[in-house]
Amino acid sequence: MEKHDIVIIGGGPAGLAAAVAARKAGIQDILILERDGCLGGILNQCIHNGFGLHTFKEELTGPEYAARYMEMVKEEKIPYKLNTMVIDINKEKEVTVINREDGLATIKAGAVILAMGCRERPRGALNIPGYRPAGIYSAGTAQRLMNIEGFSVGKEVVILGSGDIGLIMARRMTLEGAKVKVVAELMPYSGGLKRNIVQCLDDYGIPLKLSHTVVNIEGKERVSGITIAQVGPDRKPIPGTEEHYTCDTLLLSVGLIPENELSRGIGVNMSRITSGPEVNDQLETSAEGVFACGNVLHVHDLVDYVSEEAALAGTNAAAYVQAGKEKENCHVVELKAENGVRYTVPQTLDVNHMQDKVTVRFRVADVYKDRYITVYYDGVQVSKKKKKVLAPGEMEQVILKKDSFGEYPDLKNIVICTEVE
């Protein structure tokens, strides 16, 4: 059986950053497994700019950002296998893979890093009435067809969902000469970054209709029209609010789902909110020696944060391999999300073995104005920061410092919440 100290599943931005960090932490024997024909993951089709402002302090396109990390992987001479599908991982960290060269093979890993990314929610999850004509695409599929394959996907477009990919595709379709009639969003707020709403919709005069959804799709061979309607607080269409648009294309940007079939196969504890694994401050899952990072853990808004998180996972996986035994004298504290905070990543931290500071990332449940992000240690308020606007589309973070726990030797839980005053 082939053996490696660290096996990384996924060669996108998370997998690449994790590999580079593990190598810099002193691990020589690393293998990246990627099911696609090239490294870089989803960034290869994201030809718009806005990447790298935090990591490289300059504005890059997706392929440029990915190329920087691919260069680092090549400089470090980290091996990788392309066109290689991982079909199973067990608790002994034995990874079963299949590809054309090796056939079906098993690789034994000292540590595994899960970096599989996420996929789009399909039309089947939406229960939209109507036929199944041509011209209905997920926004990411349309992005790939246009930016990599070189196809035009439509001339008159309606977009359902205002996630970042949908907003970016509204601008992309417009630049290619298509007419984007409207972007409809089921929720009373957009799921995308504020800057994307401004740069992709407002700058091109594309209307965004919040609290609206598609109630009918017309056309048998190809989409010929879409009917949207306003929805009430129960998210059900309100009769009499229907609006009809003629179009030949419907793009769906209705959410992303972390790719965690392999994670569930190992039996790691999963978060009901993020659909990703629950992790500690080392980004280690409940399966010993299995780490997770990037969009497989929780859906990020910026790739820079993916790289930062993945580097931490790579460094910690390296430390796990080098230590060779479980830590002793642990003091595990639970992180709780309350009052408008939907979840936290990580979900626990070990006060005795944590780094000097831990970044806790989270999203809020609704759009809030003039709220405080507050942190409590066992009911005692330790920090409070005012935010003008909090929105579900923008990831937030708080930094917990190790020296702040000195006065709480018996600390049991940390609560992160939003408060009006």
Protein backbone atom coordinates (compact mmCIF):
# COMPACT_ATOMS: atom_id res chain seq x y z
CA MET A 1 0.00 0.00 0.00
CA GLU A 2 1.27 3.48 -0.94
CA LYS A 3 1.95 5.62 2.14
CA HIS A 4 2.25 9.38 2.66
CA ASP A 5 2.55 11.59 5.75
CA ILE A 6 -0.18 13.97 4.57
CA VAL A 7 -2.80 13.34 1.88
CA ILE A 8 -4.79 16.38 0.72
CA ILE A 9 -8.10 15.78 -1.04
CA GLY A 10 -8.75 18.63 -3.45
CA GLY A 11 -6.33 20.72 -5.52
CA GLY A 12 -8.25 23.99 -5.40
CA PRO A 13 -7.24 27.10 -3.42
CA ALA A 14 -7.69 25.34 -0.05
CA GLY A 15 -5.74 22.20 -0.98
CA LEU A 16 -2.87 24.17 -2.52
CA ALA A 17 -2.50 26.54 0.45
CA ALA A 18 -2.66 23.61 2.90
CA ALA A 19 0.07 21.74 0.98
CA VAL A 20 2.41 24.73 0.90
CA ALA A 21 1.93 25.39 4.63
CA ALA A 22 2.51 21.72 5.54
CA ARG A 23 5.74 21.68 3.52
CA LYS A 24 6.94 24.89 5.21
CA ALA A 25 6.14 23.27 8.57
CA GLY A 26 8.67 20.55 7.75
CA ILE A 27 6.67 17.70 6.17
CA GLN A 28 8.35 16.37 3.02
CA ASP A 29 5.98 13.51 2.14
CA ILE A 30 2.76 15.20 0.89
CA LEU A 31 0.36 14.15 -1.86
CA ILE A 32 -2.47 16.23 -3.40
CA LEU A 33 -5.36 14.34 -5.04
CA GLU A 34 -7.47 16.27 -7.59
CA ARG A 35 -10.36 14.86 -9.62
CA ASP A 36 -10.12 17.53 -12.34
CA GLY A 37 -7.57 17.64 -15.15
CA CYS A 38 -5.68 20.59 -13.62
CA LEU A 39 -5.03 22.24 -10.27
CA GLY A 40 -6.75 25.49 -9.24
CA GLY A 41 -10.30 24.32 -8.65
CA ILE A 42 -13.16 26.74 -9.23
CA LEU A 43 -10.77 29.71 -9.56
CA ASN A 44 -9.93 28.66 -13.13
CA GLN A 45 -13.35 29.80 -14.33
CA CYS A 46 -13.53 32.97 -12.18
CA ILE A 47 -11.94 35.35 -14.67
CA HIS A 48 -13.21 38.48 -12.89
CA ASN A 49 -10.89 40.42 -10.57
CA GLY A 50 -11.16 41.08 -6.83
CA PHE A 51 -9.04 38.17 -5.58
CA GLY A 52 -5.87 38.43 -3.50
CA LEU A 53 -6.34 41.82 -1.85
CA HIS A 54 -5.62 40.34 1.61
CA THR A 55 -3.14 37.60 0.63
CA PHE A 56 -1.01 39.36 -1.98
CA LYS A 57 -2.04 43.00 -1.37
CA GLU A 58 -3.01 43.36 -5.04
CA GLU A 59 -6.07 42.71 -7.15
CA LEU A 60 -5.92 39.51 -9.21
CA THR A 61 -8.29 37.42 -11.31
CA GLY A 62 -9.17 33.89 -10.16
CA PRO A 63 -6.72 32.14 -12.56
CA GLU A 64 -3.93 34.57 -11.54
CA TYR A 65 -4.56 33.85 -7.84
CA ALA A 66 -4.58 30.09 -8.44
CA ALA A 67 -1.40 30.36 -10.55
CA ARG A 68 0.46 31.97 -7.63
CA TYR A 69 -0.30 28.95 -5.44
CA MET A 70 0.41 26.46 -8.24
CA GLU A 71 3.83 28.09 -8.61
CA MET A 72 4.46 27.67 -4.87
CA VAL A 73 3.48 23.98 -5.07
CA LYS A 74 5.86 23.45 -8.01
CA GLU A 75 8.69 25.35 -6.29
CA GLU A 76 8.27 23.14 -3.21
CA LYS A 77 8.15 20.07 -5.52
CA ILE A 78 4.94 18.81 -3.88
CA PRO A 79 3.58 15.84 -5.89
CA TYR A 80 -0.04 15.72 -7.05
CA LYS A 81 -2.27 13.34 -8.99
CA LEU A 82 -4.82 14.76 -11.45
CA ASN A 83 -7.93 13.03 -12.84
CA THR A 84 -7.96 11.07 -9.60
CA MET A 85 -11.26 10.48 -7.82
CA VAL A 86 -11.31 9.70 -4.11
CA ILE A 87 -14.16 7.28 -3.50
CA ASP A 88 -13.69 6.44 0.19
CA ILE A 89 -11.79 7.31 3.36
CA ASN A 90 -11.96 5.20 6.50
CA LYS A 91 -11.14 5.89 10.15
CA GLU A 92 -7.67 4.38 9.71
CA LYS A 93 -7.01 7.20 7.22
CA GLU A 94 -6.85 4.79 4.28
CA VAL A 95 -7.87 6.70 1.15
CA THR A 96 -9.34 4.69 -1.74
CA VAL A 97 -8.78 6.35 -5.13
CA ILE A 98 -9.38 5.54 -8.76
CA ASN A 99 -7.68 6.87 -11.89
CA ARG A 100 -6.64 5.67 -15.32
CA GLU A 101 -2.98 5.00 -14.47
CA ASP A 102 -3.30 3.21 -11.12
CA GLY A 103 -6.80 1.78 -11.44
CA LEU A 104 -8.29 1.25 -7.99
CA ALA A 105 -5.69 1.94 -5.28
CA THR A 106 -5.47 2.58 -1.54
CA ILE A 107 -3.22 5.19 0.02
CA LYS A 108 -2.39 5.15 3.73
CA ALA A 109 -2.10 8.65 5.22
CA GLY A 110 -0.55 9.89 8.45
CA ALA A 111 -3.00 12.81 8.32
CA VAL A 112 -5.76 13.72 5.88
CA ILE A 113 -6.80 17.27 4.90
CA LEU A 114 -10.30 17.59 3.45
CA ALA A 115 -10.37 20.41 0.88
CA MET A 116 -13.11 19.28 -1.53
CA GLY A 117 -14.85 22.65 -1.84
CA CYS A 118 -18.56 22.96 -2.53
CA ARG A 119 -21.15 22.49 -5.27
CA GLU A 120 -24.23 24.44 -6.35
CA ARG A 121 -27.73 23.66 -5.18
CA PRO A 122 -29.59 22.27 -8.24
CA ARG A 123 -33.01 23.11 -9.66
CA GLY A 124 -34.42 19.86 -8.26
CA ALA A 125 -34.12 21.29 -4.74
CA LEU A 126 -36.36 24.26 -5.57
CA ASN A 127 -39.74 22.78 -6.60
CA ILE A 128 -40.31 25.33 -9.38
CA PRO A 129 -43.36 24.39 -11.48
CA GLY A 130 -43.04 24.09 -15.26
CA TYR A 131 -41.40 21.83 -17.84
CA ARG A 132 -37.68 21.04 -18.01
CA PRO A 133 -36.69 22.94 -21.15
CA ALA A 134 -33.20 23.84 -22.33
CA GLY A 135 -31.83 27.16 -21.12
CA ILE A 136 -31.84 26.51 -17.36
CA TYR A 137 -28.35 26.56 -15.85
CA SER A 138 -26.81 26.90 -12.44
CA ALA A 139 -24.80 30.13 -12.44
CA GLY A 140 -21.50 28.25 -12.02
CA THR A 141 -22.25 25.97 -14.98
CA ALA A 142 -22.99 29.02 -17.14
CA GLN A 143 -19.77 30.59 -15.89
CA ARG A 144 -17.76 27.52 -16.91
CA LEU A 145 -19.46 27.30 -20.33
CA MET A 146 -18.69 30.96 -21.07
CA ASN A 147 -15.26 31.43 -19.51
CA ILE A 148 -13.62 28.05 -20.21
CA GLU A 149 -15.60 26.39 -23.03
CA GLY A 150 -16.27 29.64 -24.92
CA PHE A 151 -20.04 29.23 -25.40
CA SER A 152 -22.73 31.88 -25.26
CA VAL A 153 -25.52 30.52 -23.05
CA GLY A 154 -28.34 32.97 -23.82
CA LYS A 155 -29.49 36.38 -25.02
CA GLU A 156 -32.35 37.30 -22.66
CA VAL A 157 -31.72 36.26 -19.09
CA VAL A 158 -33.52 36.06 -15.74
CA ILE A 159 -31.46 35.17 -12.66
CA LEU A 160 -32.96 33.54 -9.57
CA GLY A 161 -30.88 34.07 -6.44
CA SER A 162 -28.45 36.87 -5.58
CA GLY A 163 -25.46 34.85 -4.40
CA ASP A 164 -22.07 36.15 -5.51
CA ILE A 165 -21.85 33.85 -8.56
CA GLY A 166 -25.29 34.99 -9.75
CA LEU A 167 -24.35 38.67 -9.36
CA ILE A 168 -21.04 38.18 -11.17
CA MET A 169 -22.81 36.31 -13.99
CA ALA A 170 -25.32 39.15 -14.37
CA ARG A 171 -22.40 41.42 -15.25
CA ARG A 172 -20.65 38.75 -17.33
CA MET A 173 -23.74 38.07 -19.45
CA THR A 174 -24.25 41.82 -19.96
CA LEU A 175 -20.64 42.27 -21.11
CA GLU A 176 -21.18 39.47 -23.66
CA GLY A 177 -24.17 41.30 -25.13
CA ALA A 178 -27.02 39.54 -23.34
CA LYS A 179 -29.90 41.43 -21.71
CA VAL A 180 -30.33 40.56 -18.03
CA LYS A 181 -33.97 41.42 -17.30
CA VAL A 182 -34.07 40.98 -13.52
CA VAL A 183 -32.40 39.28 -10.55
CA ALA A 184 -35.01 37.80 -8.20
CA GLU A 185 -34.12 36.88 -4.60
CA LEU A 186 -36.36 34.83 -2.30
CA MET A 187 -34.97 36.36 0.89
CA PRO A 188 -35.54 39.98 1.98
CA TYR A 189 -31.76 40.53 1.64
CA SER A 190 -29.10 39.64 -0.92
CA GLY A 191 -26.87 36.62 -0.34
CA GLY A 192 -23.90 38.31 -2.02
CA LEU A 193 -21.23 40.83 -1.09
CA LYS A 194 -22.31 44.49 -1.10
CA ARG A 195 -19.51 45.36 -3.54
CA ASN A 196 -20.87 42.80 -6.04
CA ILE A 197 -24.38 44.27 -5.84
CA VAL A 198 -22.93 47.70 -6.67
CA GLN A 199 -20.41 46.62 -9.34
CA CYS A 200 -22.50 43.94 -11.06
CA LEU A 201 -26.10 45.16 -10.82
CA ASP A 202 -26.26 48.87 -9.94
CA ASP A 203 -23.50 49.87 -12.41
CA TYR A 204 -25.37 48.12 -15.25
CA GLY A 205 -28.91 49.15 -14.30
CA ILE A 206 -30.03 45.56 -13.57
CA PRO A 207 -32.96 45.48 -11.14
CA LEU A 208 -32.73 43.34 -7.96
CA LYS A 209 -36.13 42.27 -6.62
CA LEU A 210 -35.90 41.04 -3.04
CA SER A 211 -38.59 38.77 -1.54
CA HIS A 212 -39.40 37.44 -5.04
CA THR A 213 -39.17 33.97 -6.55
CA VAL A 214 -39.88 32.16 -9.82
CA VAL A 215 -43.39 30.64 -9.84
CA ASN A 216 -43.52 29.37 -13.43
CA ILE A 217 -41.19 28.42 -16.27
CA GLU A 218 -42.63 28.54 -19.80
CA GLY A 219 -41.40 26.66 -22.85
CA LYS A 220 -41.04 23.00 -23.76
CA GLU A 221 -37.98 22.86 -26.04
CA ARG A 222 -36.30 26.03 -24.71
CA VAL A 223 -37.24 28.52 -21.99
CA SER A 224 -39.52 31.18 -23.51
CA GLY A 225 -40.62 33.06 -20.42
CA ILE A 226 -40.46 33.26 -16.63
CA THR A 227 -43.08 34.42 -14.14
CA ILE A 228 -41.87 35.76 -10.81
CA ALA A 229 -43.99 36.75 -7.80
CA GLN A 230 -43.48 38.46 -4.48
CA VAL A 231 -43.34 36.23 -1.41
CA GLY A 232 -44.63 36.91 2.09
CA PRO A 233 -42.84 36.36 5.42
CA ASP A 234 -43.64 32.63 5.06
CA ARG A 235 -41.73 32.69 1.70
CA LYS A 236 -44.86 31.62 -0.17
CA PRO A 237 -45.94 33.53 -3.34
CA ILE A 238 -48.54 36.25 -2.84
CA PRO A 239 -51.37 35.90 -5.42
CA GLY A 240 -51.75 38.95 -7.67
CA THR A 241 -48.07 39.99 -7.51
CA GLU A 242 -46.96 37.97 -10.57
CA GLU A 243 -44.71 39.61 -13.19
CA HIS A 244 -43.92 37.98 -16.53
CA TYR A 245 -40.61 38.26 -18.41
CA THR A 246 -39.84 36.86 -21.85
CA CYS A 247 -36.40 35.22 -21.83
CA ASP A 248 -34.46 32.28 -23.26
CA THR A 249 -32.28 31.59 -20.21
CA LEU A 250 -32.76 31.13 -16.48
CA LEU A 251 -29.67 31.13 -14.23
CA LEU A 252 -29.94 29.69 -10.73
CA SER A 253 -27.73 31.11 -7.97
CA VAL A 254 -29.52 29.55 -5.03
CA GLY A 255 -26.80 28.50 -2.64
CA LEU A 256 -23.73 26.33 -2.28
CA ILE A 257 -23.45 22.97 -0.54
CA PRO A 258 -20.11 21.78 0.92
CA GLU A 259 -19.01 18.48 -0.73
CA ASN A 260 -19.03 16.28 2.35
CA GLU A 261 -19.98 12.79 1.18
CA LEU A 262 -16.44 11.60 1.99
CA SER A 263 -16.51 13.32 5.38
CA ARG A 264 -19.74 11.55 6.31
CA GLY A 265 -18.20 8.27 5.17
CA ILE A 266 -15.44 8.66 7.78
CA GLY A 267 -18.14 9.39 10.38
CA VAL A 268 -17.02 12.89 11.40
CA ASN A 269 -19.49 15.02 13.37
CA MET A 270 -21.28 17.39 10.99
CA SER A 271 -22.71 20.85 11.63
CA ARG A 272 -26.41 21.14 10.84
CA ILE A 273 -25.98 24.85 10.01
CA THR A 274 -22.86 24.86 7.80
CA SER A 275 -23.31 21.35 6.32
CA GLY A 276 -19.57 20.97 6.99
CA PRO A 277 -17.59 19.08 9.64
CA GLU A 278 -17.39 20.37 13.21
CA VAL A 279 -13.77 21.26 14.01
CA ASN A 280 -11.61 22.41 16.89
CA ASP A 281 -9.21 25.36 16.85
CA GLN A 282 -6.63 23.15 15.04
CA LEU A 283 -9.30 22.62 12.29
CA GLU A 284 -9.25 18.93 13.21
CA THR A 285 -12.55 17.06 12.84
CA SER A 286 -13.93 14.53 15.33
CA ALA A 287 -11.95 11.87 13.40
CA GLU A 288 -8.41 11.96 14.79
CA GLY A 289 -5.85 13.22 12.26
CA VAL A 290 -8.48 14.36 9.74
CA PHE A 291 -8.51 18.13 9.15
CA ALA A 292 -10.88 20.29 7.08
CA CYS A 293 -10.56 23.73 5.49
CA GLY A 294 -12.07 26.01 2.86
CA ASN A 295 -15.56 25.69 1.42
CA VAL A 296 -15.89 22.05 2.45
CA LEU A 297 -15.87 23.34 6.04
CA HIS A 298 -18.16 26.36 5.53
CA VAL A 299 -18.88 28.52 2.49
CA HIS A 300 -16.55 31.54 2.37
CA ASP A 301 -17.07 34.88 0.68
CA LEU A 302 -13.37 35.61 0.00
CA VAL A 303 -10.76 33.17 -1.31
CA ASP A 304 -8.15 35.00 0.79
CA TYR A 305 -9.83 33.65 3.93
CA VAL A 306 -9.91 30.17 2.38
CA SER A 307 -6.12 30.31 1.90
CA GLU A 308 -5.55 31.63 5.42
CA GLU A 309 -7.70 28.88 6.95
CA ALA A 310 -6.11 26.19 4.76
CA ALA A 311 -2.59 27.28 5.75
CA LEU A 312 -3.63 26.79 9.39
CA ALA A 313 -4.97 23.30 8.59
CA GLY A 314 -1.72 22.42 6.79
CA THR A 315 0.44 23.65 9.67
CA ASN A 316 -1.65 21.77 12.25
CA ALA A 317 -1.71 18.55 10.19
CA ALA A 318 2.09 18.77 10.03
CA ALA A 319 2.28 19.19 13.81
CA TYR A 320 -0.03 16.19 14.26
CA VAL A 321 2.18 13.99 12.06
CA GLN A 322 5.35 15.16 13.81
CA ALA A 323 3.97 14.72 17.36
CA GLY A 324 2.75 11.18 16.73
CA LYS A 325 0.52 11.09 19.81
CA GLU A 326 -2.61 12.65 21.26
CA LYS A 327 -2.23 15.79 23.37
CA GLU A 328 -2.46 15.47 27.13
CA ASN A 329 -3.93 17.86 29.72
CA CYS A 330 -6.56 19.30 27.36
CA HIS A 331 -9.00 22.03 28.42
CA VAL A 332 -11.69 22.02 25.75
CA VAL A 333 -14.12 24.95 25.64
CA GLU A 334 -17.29 25.00 23.56
CA LEU A 335 -18.09 27.98 21.32
CA LYS A 336 -21.78 28.87 21.14
CA ALA A 337 -23.51 31.03 18.52
CA GLU A 338 -26.51 32.93 19.86
CA ASN A 339 -28.89 35.82 19.15
CA GLY A 340 -28.37 36.38 15.43
CA VAL A 341 -25.04 34.55 15.01
CA ARG A 342 -25.80 31.37 13.04
CA TYR A 343 -22.69 29.32 13.72
CA THR A 344 -19.00 29.56 14.59
CA VAL A 345 -15.94 27.91 13.03
CA PRO A 346 -14.24 26.44 15.00
CA GLN A 347 -16.89 24.95 17.29
CA THR A 348 -14.45 24.17 20.15
CA LEU A 349 -11.00 25.24 21.24
CA ASP A 350 -8.38 23.81 23.58
CA VAL A 351 -7.23 26.62 25.87
CA ASN A 352 -4.05 24.73 26.90
CA HIS A 353 -2.81 23.94 23.39
CA MET A 354 -4.19 26.77 21.24
CA GLN A 355 -1.99 29.26 19.39
CA ASP A 356 -1.56 32.78 20.80
CA LYS A 357 -4.74 33.79 18.98
CA VAL A 358 -7.57 32.00 17.20
CA THR A 359 -9.74 33.57 14.49
CA VAL A 360 -13.40 32.57 14.87
CA ARG A 361 -15.44 33.09 11.70
CA PHE A 362 -19.22 33.21 11.50
CA ARG A 363 -22.24 34.52 9.59
CA VAL A 364 -25.31 36.29 10.91
CA ALA A 365 -28.91 35.21 10.34
CA ASP A 366 -30.37 38.46 8.98
CA VAL A 367 -29.49 42.03 8.02
CA TYR A 368 -28.84 43.99 11.22
CA LYS A 369 -28.02 47.68 11.57
CA ASP A 370 -26.12 49.32 14.44
CA ARG A 371 -25.52 46.10 16.36
CA TYR A 372 -22.72 44.97 18.60
CA ILE A 373 -20.80 41.71 18.19
CA THR A 374 -20.33 40.62 21.79
CA VAL A 375 -18.21 37.83 23.33
CA TYR A 376 -18.97 36.26 26.72
CA TYR A 377 -16.78 33.88 28.77
CA ASP A 378 -19.13 31.84 31.01
CA GLY A 379 -21.65 34.69 31.03
CA VAL A 380 -19.08 37.48 31.61
CA GLN A 381 -18.81 40.03 28.78
CA VAL A 382 -15.20 40.32 27.60
CA SER A 383 -15.50 42.25 24.32
CA LYS A 384 -18.00 44.33 22.40
CA LYS A 385 -17.57 45.81 18.91
CA LYS A 386 -20.11 47.96 17.09
CA LYS A 387 -20.92 47.25 13.44
CA LYS A 388 -22.90 49.63 11.21
CA VAL A 389 -24.30 46.78 9.12
CA LEU A 390 -24.21 43.00 9.51
CA ALA A 391 -25.44 40.89 6.58
CA PRO A 392 -25.62 37.12 5.92
CA GLY A 393 -23.64 37.53 2.68
CA GLU A 394 -20.59 38.91 4.51
CA MET A 395 -18.51 36.68 6.78
CA GLU A 396 -17.59 38.18 10.15
CA GLN A 397 -14.83 37.26 12.58
CA VAL A 398 -13.62 37.76 16.13
CA ILE A 399 -10.12 37.02 17.39
CA LEU A 400 -9.73 35.22 20.72
CA LYS A 401 -6.35 35.64 22.41
CA LYS A 402 -4.83 32.95 24.61
CA ASP A 403 -3.77 35.41 27.31
CA SER A 404 -7.42 36.50 27.73
CA PHE A 405 -8.25 33.14 29.33
CA GLY A 406 -5.85 33.52 32.28
CA GLU A 407 -8.58 34.87 34.58
CA TYR A 408 -10.95 32.01 33.67
CA PRO A 409 -9.20 28.78 34.77
CA ASP A 410 -12.47 26.79 34.76
CA LEU A 411 -13.91 28.24 31.55
CA LYS A 412 -16.61 26.02 30.03
CA ASN A 413 -18.10 27.98 27.13
CA ILE A 414 -17.67 31.06 24.99
CA VAL A 415 -20.76 32.76 23.57
CA ILE A 416 -20.58 34.95 20.45
CA CYS A 417 -23.76 36.91 19.77
CA THR A 418 -25.19 40.15 18.40
CA GLU A 419 -26.76 42.72 20.73
CA VAL A 420 -28.61 45.99 20.22
CA GLU A 421 -26.91 47.72 23.16
